[in-house]
Amino acid sequence: MVVRRSRHRLLALLCGVLAALTLTTPAVAAPGRAALTRPEAAAGWLARQLVDGERFEAVFDGVAYPDQGLTLDAVFAFAAAGVADDHGAGALAWVTRPDIRDGYLGDGVSEAYAGATAKLALAVQVRGGDPADVGGVDLIARLLSLQTPAGRFSDRSAYGDYSNAFSQSFALLALDRTAAGAPPAAAAWLAGTRCPDGGYPLLPAQPVCTSDVDATALVTQALRAADRPADAAAGLRWLVSVQRADGGFANAAGTPNANSTGLAAQALRDGHRLPAWARSRAFLAGLQVGCAGAPADRGAVDFDGGGFDPATAPRATAQAVLGLTGIGYARLSAAGADPGAPVLACP
C-alpha cells in the first residue's frame, strides 16, 4: 500500500509538472521581447479595456456607473500575471479616491459593507500598501468592527445585510496578512457553513445547503490561509468531484464558464491538486482569443466559448488569469511586476 500511494503521488506530480510546462508555452512569440505566456496576454488585453486607463464601469440604461469590484479583480489579475503594474497602480489609486472608495465601502458609520472593505484591504496589501491608512481610513479596524460575536462579518446598512461566503473569505485573507492574523472565530464560523457534500454555499443558513463552485473556491483558500487545512480539503475534494471531463466548472445555472473555472483552478493549484488544475487550465486556454480572432480581442478570455461578448469578457478574463497562473489570493503580490500592457504579435 505504501508503494502504491507513493506511485500515485509521483504520477500526480509528474502530470501536474508536464501540464504546467505544456500550458506555459508562449501563446505567441512577440518580436523584440520575451514570448508572452497566456496569463500575460490576457492581463495585457484586460489593461487596455480600462476606461481612461484606471477603471471599469457598469452601464445600465445608457448610464455608466463605477465598477469598483471589477476594477479590483483587474488589480489582482495584473499582480498574478506580473504585468501591467502601472495600470494596477492607477486602478487602485482610482478605487481609493475618497468619493469612489466611500461609494463602494459605505461611509463607515450608517453604511459599511464587509465584503467590499475586505476586498479593498486585500488589494492594498497585494500592492504593498498599508490597509490601516487608505486616505485616512483604517480598513482593518473598520472590518473588525463588522465582526459579530459569532465570528461572521456582516454589513451594517439600512438596506440589509448582503454579506456572504465571499465577504467572509476576503475578510480572512486580508486579516491573515496582518500582525494579529485571521480571527479563529471567523475561520470557525466559515468552516461551519460547509454542506454535507463537502462544498460550501454562497449564502449561509439556507433551508437546503447548496454547494457553490465560486464560493467553495474562495472559501478553501481562506481556510487554508487561516490554518484550517482539513476544512479546506473537504471543499477541494468537492471541487474535484464536480469538475467536468473537459476540465471546466459550471456556475449555478449549469453553464461551464471562465469565471467559475478561473476561481476553481486557482483554488486547486493553491490546494496542490495539480492534475485537476492542469485540466482546468487547459479549459481556460481553449477560451482565450488567439491570432485567429479580431485584433482588438486577442488575449481576452471568452465567458463560455459561445461567441465573444465584450460585455462579459473583462470579468471572465480577470478571473481566468487567476486560474491560468494558479497563484492563490494568500500569495498574490505585485512586487516585481512589469509595467505596460503586453500585446500579442501575430503574423
Protein backbone atom coordinates (compact mmCIF):
# COMPACT_ATOMS: atom_id res chain seq x y z
CA MET A 1 0.00 0.00 0.00
CA VAL A 2 2.82 2.43 0.78
CA VAL A 3 4.43 1.73 -2.59
CA ARG A 4 1.12 2.19 -4.42
CA ARG A 5 0.35 5.51 -2.70
CA SER A 6 3.88 6.71 -3.46
CA ARG A 7 3.43 5.83 -7.11
CA HIS A 8 0.12 7.68 -7.22
CA ARG A 9 1.68 10.77 -5.65
CA LEU A 10 4.57 10.63 -8.10
CA LEU A 11 2.22 10.23 -11.05
CA ALA A 12 0.11 13.18 -9.90
CA LEU A 13 3.19 15.34 -9.52
CA LEU A 14 4.51 14.41 -12.95
CA CYS A 15 1.14 15.07 -14.57
CA GLY A 16 0.98 18.49 -12.95
CA VAL A 17 4.53 19.39 -13.98
CA LEU A 18 4.05 18.21 -17.57
CA ALA A 19 0.78 20.09 -17.89
CA ALA A 20 2.31 23.22 -16.46
CA LEU A 21 5.19 23.02 -18.92
CA THR A 22 2.82 22.48 -21.82
CA LEU A 23 0.45 25.28 -20.91
CA THR A 24 3.09 27.86 -20.19
CA THR A 25 4.34 27.53 -23.75
CA PRO A 26 4.25 31.03 -25.26
CA ALA A 27 0.90 31.98 -26.76
CA VAL A 28 2.77 33.91 -29.45
CA ALA A 29 6.36 34.99 -29.83
CA ALA A 30 6.47 38.78 -29.85
CA PRO A 31 9.45 40.28 -31.71
CA GLY A 32 11.75 42.35 -29.55
CA ARG A 33 10.61 40.91 -26.22
CA ALA A 34 10.28 37.66 -24.40
CA ALA A 35 7.46 35.43 -25.62
CA LEU A 36 4.13 36.04 -23.93
CA THR A 37 2.50 33.45 -21.75
CA ARG A 38 -1.26 33.04 -21.73
CA PRO A 39 -1.76 34.93 -18.43
CA GLU A 40 0.39 37.84 -19.62
CA ALA A 41 -1.53 38.10 -22.88
CA ALA A 42 -4.84 38.03 -21.01
CA ALA A 43 -3.73 40.65 -18.48
CA GLY A 44 -2.45 42.87 -21.29
CA TRP A 45 -5.82 42.78 -23.01
CA LEU A 46 -7.57 43.47 -19.71
CA ALA A 47 -5.38 46.51 -19.04
CA ARG A 48 -6.32 48.00 -22.41
CA GLN A 49 -10.01 47.81 -21.52
CA LEU A 50 -9.70 50.12 -18.51
CA VAL A 51 -11.63 53.35 -19.03
CA ASP A 52 -9.13 56.23 -19.02
CA GLY A 53 -6.55 53.63 -18.01
CA GLU A 54 -7.89 53.50 -14.45
CA ARG A 55 -11.30 51.90 -14.02
CA PHE A 56 -14.11 49.66 -15.19
CA GLU A 57 -17.69 50.81 -15.44
CA ALA A 58 -21.08 49.13 -15.44
CA VAL A 59 -23.64 50.54 -17.85
CA PHE A 60 -27.36 50.43 -17.10
CA ASP A 61 -29.93 52.11 -19.34
CA GLY A 62 -27.16 54.00 -21.06
CA VAL A 63 -25.71 55.37 -17.82
CA ALA A 64 -22.18 54.43 -16.73
CA TYR A 65 -21.57 53.69 -13.06
CA PRO A 66 -18.22 52.97 -11.37
CA ASP A 67 -17.49 49.25 -11.01
CA GLN A 68 -15.03 49.12 -8.15
CA GLY A 69 -15.33 45.37 -7.70
CA LEU A 70 -14.32 44.52 -11.27
CA THR A 71 -11.55 47.11 -11.11
CA LEU A 72 -10.12 45.33 -8.06
CA ASP A 73 -10.41 42.00 -9.88
CA ALA A 74 -8.17 43.55 -12.53
CA VAL A 75 -5.67 44.65 -9.87
CA PHE A 76 -5.46 41.04 -8.68
CA ALA A 77 -5.09 39.77 -12.26
CA PHE A 78 -2.23 42.16 -13.05
CA ALA A 79 -0.40 41.05 -9.90
CA ALA A 80 -0.94 37.37 -10.73
CA ALA A 81 0.36 37.77 -14.29
CA GLY A 82 3.23 40.04 -13.23
CA VAL A 83 2.48 42.68 -15.87
CA ALA A 84 0.56 45.96 -16.28
CA ASP A 85 1.90 47.22 -12.96
CA ASP A 86 1.30 50.83 -13.95
CA HIS A 87 -2.32 50.00 -14.72
CA GLY A 88 -2.65 48.24 -11.39
CA ALA A 89 -1.32 51.30 -9.58
CA GLY A 90 -3.69 53.60 -11.47
CA ALA A 91 -6.68 51.34 -10.85
CA LEU A 92 -6.03 51.16 -7.11
CA ALA A 93 -5.50 54.92 -6.95
CA TRP A 94 -8.90 55.36 -8.55
CA VAL A 95 -10.69 52.94 -6.20
CA THR A 96 -9.13 54.62 -3.14
CA ARG A 97 -10.21 58.11 -4.16
CA PRO A 98 -12.49 59.22 -1.29
CA ASP A 99 -15.63 59.61 -3.41
CA ILE A 100 -15.10 56.30 -5.23
CA ARG A 101 -13.95 54.48 -2.08
CA ASP A 102 -16.88 55.58 0.06
CA GLY A 103 -19.36 54.78 -2.68
CA TYR A 104 -18.04 51.23 -2.54
CA LEU A 105 -17.39 50.69 1.17
CA GLY A 106 -20.04 52.95 2.65
CA ASP A 107 -19.36 55.92 4.89
CA GLY A 108 -18.28 53.67 7.78
CA VAL A 109 -20.99 55.00 10.06
CA SER A 110 -24.50 54.36 8.79
CA GLU A 111 -23.29 52.20 5.90
CA ALA A 112 -20.37 49.74 5.94
CA TYR A 113 -20.00 46.72 3.69
CA ALA A 114 -17.86 43.84 4.90
CA GLY A 115 -17.05 42.24 1.55
CA ALA A 116 -16.08 45.49 -0.15
CA THR A 117 -13.97 46.58 2.83
CA ALA A 118 -12.13 43.26 2.93
CA LYS A 119 -11.58 43.10 -0.83
CA LEU A 120 -10.14 46.62 -0.95
CA ALA A 121 -7.92 45.89 2.06
CA LEU A 122 -6.56 42.79 0.33
CA ALA A 123 -5.90 44.70 -2.90
CA VAL A 124 -3.97 47.38 -0.98
CA GLN A 125 -1.89 44.64 0.66
CA VAL A 126 -1.24 42.89 -2.67
CA ARG A 127 0.16 46.15 -4.00
CA GLY A 128 2.34 46.62 -0.92
CA GLY A 129 0.28 49.33 0.76
CA ASP A 130 -0.97 49.78 4.31
CA PRO A 131 -4.67 48.93 4.67
CA ALA A 132 -4.71 50.67 8.05
CA ASP A 133 -4.29 54.02 6.29
CA VAL A 134 -6.13 54.31 3.00
CA GLY A 135 -6.69 58.01 2.58
CA GLY A 136 -7.03 58.30 6.34
CA VAL A 137 -9.36 55.30 6.66
CA ASP A 138 -8.28 52.25 8.67
CA LEU A 139 -9.80 49.43 6.66
CA ILE A 140 -8.65 46.77 9.12
CA ALA A 141 -10.28 48.48 12.10
CA ARG A 142 -13.45 49.04 10.11
CA LEU A 143 -13.52 45.41 9.02
CA LEU A 144 -13.06 44.14 12.57
CA SER A 145 -15.89 46.40 13.71
CA LEU A 146 -18.20 44.42 11.40
CA GLN A 147 -17.42 41.06 13.02
CA THR A 148 -20.32 39.66 15.04
CA PRO A 149 -19.85 37.70 18.29
CA ALA A 150 -20.44 34.51 16.30
CA GLY A 151 -17.47 35.33 14.08
CA ARG A 152 -19.36 36.35 10.96
CA PHE A 153 -18.52 39.58 9.14
CA SER A 154 -21.80 41.34 8.37
CA ASP A 155 -22.85 44.51 6.59
CA ARG A 156 -24.10 47.50 8.52
CA SER A 157 -26.75 49.03 6.31
CA ALA A 158 -30.30 50.27 6.25
CA TYR A 159 -30.71 48.32 3.02
CA GLY A 160 -30.00 44.93 4.60
CA ASP A 161 -27.10 42.53 5.11
CA TYR A 162 -25.70 41.21 1.84
CA SER A 163 -22.60 39.57 3.29
CA ASN A 164 -21.86 36.06 2.03
CA ALA A 165 -19.09 33.49 1.66
CA PHE A 166 -17.05 35.91 -0.43
CA SER A 167 -17.27 38.58 2.27
CA GLN A 168 -16.10 36.19 4.97
CA SER A 169 -13.34 34.72 2.81
CA PHE A 170 -11.89 38.06 1.73
CA ALA A 171 -12.00 39.18 5.38
CA LEU A 172 -9.96 36.16 6.47
CA LEU A 173 -7.49 36.60 3.60
CA ALA A 174 -6.96 40.29 4.39
CA LEU A 175 -6.71 39.82 8.14
CA ASP A 176 -4.34 36.87 7.74
CA ARG A 177 -1.79 39.34 6.36
CA THR A 178 -1.91 41.50 9.49
CA ALA A 179 0.21 41.01 12.59
CA ALA A 180 -2.77 39.69 14.57
CA GLY A 181 -3.74 37.22 11.86
CA ALA A 182 -7.19 35.96 10.96
CA PRO A 183 -9.58 35.68 13.95
CA PRO A 184 -10.08 31.99 14.83
CA ALA A 185 -13.78 32.59 15.50
CA ALA A 186 -14.23 33.97 11.98
CA ALA A 187 -12.50 30.95 10.45
CA ALA A 188 -14.55 28.57 12.59
CA TRP A 189 -17.78 30.28 11.52
CA LEU A 190 -16.88 29.93 7.84
CA ALA A 191 -15.87 26.29 8.27
CA GLY A 192 -19.21 25.67 9.96
CA THR A 193 -21.14 26.63 6.83
CA ARG A 194 -19.93 23.54 4.96
CA CYS A 195 -22.59 21.46 3.23
CA PRO A 196 -22.91 17.70 3.79
CA ASP A 197 -21.27 17.01 0.41
CA GLY A 198 -18.12 18.90 1.44
CA GLY A 199 -18.60 22.06 -0.63
CA TYR A 200 -19.52 25.49 0.65
CA PRO A 201 -22.61 27.60 -0.10
CA LEU A 202 -22.63 31.21 -1.25
CA LEU A 203 -25.25 32.12 1.34
CA PRO A 204 -25.25 30.53 4.81
CA ALA A 205 -28.27 29.29 6.75
CA GLN A 206 -30.37 28.38 3.72
CA PRO A 207 -33.15 25.77 4.07
CA VAL A 208 -31.12 23.48 1.80
CA CYS A 209 -27.33 23.78 1.88
CA THR A 210 -26.24 24.02 -1.76
CA SER A 211 -22.53 23.94 -2.56
CA ASP A 212 -21.36 26.60 -4.99
CA VAL A 213 -18.22 26.36 -7.15
CA ASP A 214 -17.23 30.03 -6.92
CA ALA A 215 -17.85 30.22 -3.17
CA THR A 216 -16.05 26.95 -2.46
CA ALA A 217 -13.04 28.07 -4.49
CA LEU A 218 -12.64 31.20 -2.40
CA VAL A 219 -13.57 29.59 0.93
CA THR A 220 -10.95 26.85 0.57
CA GLN A 221 -8.25 29.46 0.00
CA ALA A 222 -9.36 31.45 3.03
CA LEU A 223 -9.49 28.38 5.27
CA ARG A 224 -6.03 27.27 4.17
CA ALA A 225 -4.71 30.74 4.99
CA ALA A 226 -6.43 30.59 8.37
CA ASP A 227 -4.78 27.23 9.25
CA ARG A 228 -7.84 25.04 8.79
CA PRO A 229 -6.47 22.60 6.19
CA ALA A 230 -8.93 19.80 6.92
CA ASP A 231 -11.93 22.05 6.29
CA ALA A 232 -10.29 23.33 3.12
CA ALA A 233 -9.52 19.80 1.96
CA ALA A 234 -13.20 18.85 2.12
CA GLY A 235 -14.02 21.72 -0.22
CA LEU A 236 -11.21 20.82 -2.59
CA ARG A 237 -12.43 17.22 -2.78
CA TRP A 238 -15.89 18.51 -3.67
CA LEU A 239 -14.44 20.76 -6.39
CA VAL A 240 -12.59 17.83 -7.95
CA SER A 241 -15.78 15.75 -7.81
CA VAL A 242 -17.80 18.29 -9.83
CA GLN A 243 -15.11 19.11 -12.39
CA ARG A 244 -16.29 18.37 -15.92
CA ALA A 245 -14.49 15.96 -18.22
CA ASP A 246 -13.25 18.92 -20.30
CA GLY A 247 -11.67 20.48 -17.18
CA GLY A 248 -14.23 23.24 -16.81
CA PHE A 249 -16.56 24.16 -13.97
CA ALA A 250 -20.16 25.28 -14.26
CA ASN A 251 -21.92 28.10 -12.44
CA ALA A 252 -25.17 27.75 -10.51
CA ALA A 253 -27.07 27.92 -13.81
CA GLY A 254 -25.13 24.91 -15.10
CA THR A 255 -23.07 26.81 -17.68
CA PRO A 256 -19.36 25.89 -17.89
CA ASN A 257 -17.54 29.20 -17.95
CA ALA A 258 -14.25 31.03 -17.49
CA ASN A 259 -15.28 32.82 -14.29
CA SER A 260 -16.10 29.75 -12.22
CA THR A 261 -13.28 27.73 -13.78
CA GLY A 262 -10.76 30.51 -13.14
CA LEU A 263 -11.57 30.66 -9.44
CA ALA A 264 -11.73 26.87 -9.10
CA ALA A 265 -8.40 26.45 -10.91
CA GLN A 266 -6.77 29.00 -8.62
CA ALA A 267 -8.04 27.09 -5.58
CA LEU A 268 -6.96 23.73 -6.98
CA ARG A 269 -3.38 24.77 -7.52
CA ASP A 270 -3.30 26.59 -4.19
CA GLY A 271 -4.52 23.33 -2.64
CA HIS A 272 -1.95 21.21 -4.53
CA ARG A 273 -4.49 19.41 -6.74
CA LEU A 274 -2.15 19.68 -9.72
CA PRO A 275 -3.73 17.28 -12.26
CA ALA A 276 -7.16 18.87 -11.70
CA TRP A 277 -5.61 22.34 -12.01
CA ALA A 278 -3.94 21.36 -15.29
CA ARG A 279 -7.27 20.22 -16.75
CA SER A 280 -8.90 23.49 -15.69
CA ARG A 281 -6.07 25.46 -17.18
CA ALA A 282 -6.48 23.66 -20.50
CA PHE A 283 -10.18 24.55 -20.48
CA LEU A 284 -9.36 28.23 -19.88
CA ALA A 285 -6.72 28.21 -22.60
CA GLY A 286 -9.36 26.94 -25.00
CA LEU A 287 -11.48 30.03 -24.33
CA GLN A 288 -8.65 32.50 -24.96
CA VAL A 289 -8.76 34.53 -28.17
CA GLY A 290 -5.62 33.98 -30.20
CA CYS A 291 -4.29 35.19 -33.54
CA ALA A 292 -7.35 33.88 -35.39
CA GLY A 293 -9.54 36.37 -33.53
CA ALA A 294 -10.13 40.05 -34.16
CA PRO A 295 -7.00 42.08 -33.32
CA ALA A 296 -8.81 44.04 -30.60
CA ASP A 297 -9.89 40.82 -28.87
CA ARG A 298 -6.62 38.88 -28.91
CA GLY A 299 -5.55 37.76 -25.45
CA ALA A 300 -9.02 38.07 -23.95
CA VAL A 301 -10.80 35.07 -22.44
CA ASP A 302 -14.38 34.47 -23.54
CA PHE A 303 -17.00 33.69 -20.91
CA ASP A 304 -18.23 30.37 -22.27
CA GLY A 305 -16.96 29.89 -25.81
CA GLY A 306 -20.35 30.67 -27.30
CA GLY A 307 -19.14 33.74 -29.19
CA PHE A 308 -17.01 36.60 -27.95
CA ASP A 309 -19.00 39.06 -25.82
CA PRO A 310 -17.16 42.28 -24.91
CA ALA A 311 -19.59 42.87 -22.05
CA THR A 312 -18.66 39.70 -20.15
CA ALA A 313 -15.06 39.31 -21.30
CA PRO A 314 -13.39 41.69 -18.79
CA ARG A 315 -14.63 39.80 -15.72
CA ALA A 316 -14.09 36.43 -17.40
CA THR A 317 -10.54 37.41 -18.32
CA ALA A 318 -9.72 38.79 -14.87
CA GLN A 319 -10.79 35.61 -13.13
CA ALA A 320 -9.29 33.37 -15.82
CA VAL A 321 -5.86 34.92 -15.19
CA LEU A 322 -6.07 33.75 -11.58
CA GLY A 323 -6.72 30.21 -12.77
CA LEU A 324 -4.10 30.28 -15.51
CA THR A 325 -1.39 31.28 -13.04
CA GLY A 326 -2.80 29.33 -10.12
CA ILE A 327 -1.42 31.86 -7.63
CA GLY A 328 -3.72 31.89 -4.61
CA TYR A 329 -5.04 35.09 -3.06
CA ALA A 330 -2.95 34.45 0.04
CA ARG A 331 0.26 34.57 -2.02
CA LEU A 332 -0.62 37.30 -4.51
CA SER A 333 1.87 40.16 -4.74
CA ALA A 334 2.50 42.90 -7.29
CA ALA A 335 6.16 43.11 -6.26
CA GLY A 336 8.40 42.88 -9.30
CA ALA A 337 5.57 43.16 -11.82
CA ASP A 338 6.45 44.74 -15.17
CA PRO A 339 4.73 47.89 -16.45
CA GLY A 340 2.87 48.04 -19.72
CA ALA A 341 0.08 46.02 -21.29
CA PRO A 342 1.58 43.22 -23.43
CA VAL A 343 0.13 42.79 -26.92
CA LEU A 344 0.15 39.59 -28.95
CA ALA A 345 2.27 39.98 -32.07
CA CYS A 346 0.60 37.86 -34.73
CA PRO A 347 1.73 37.18 -38.30
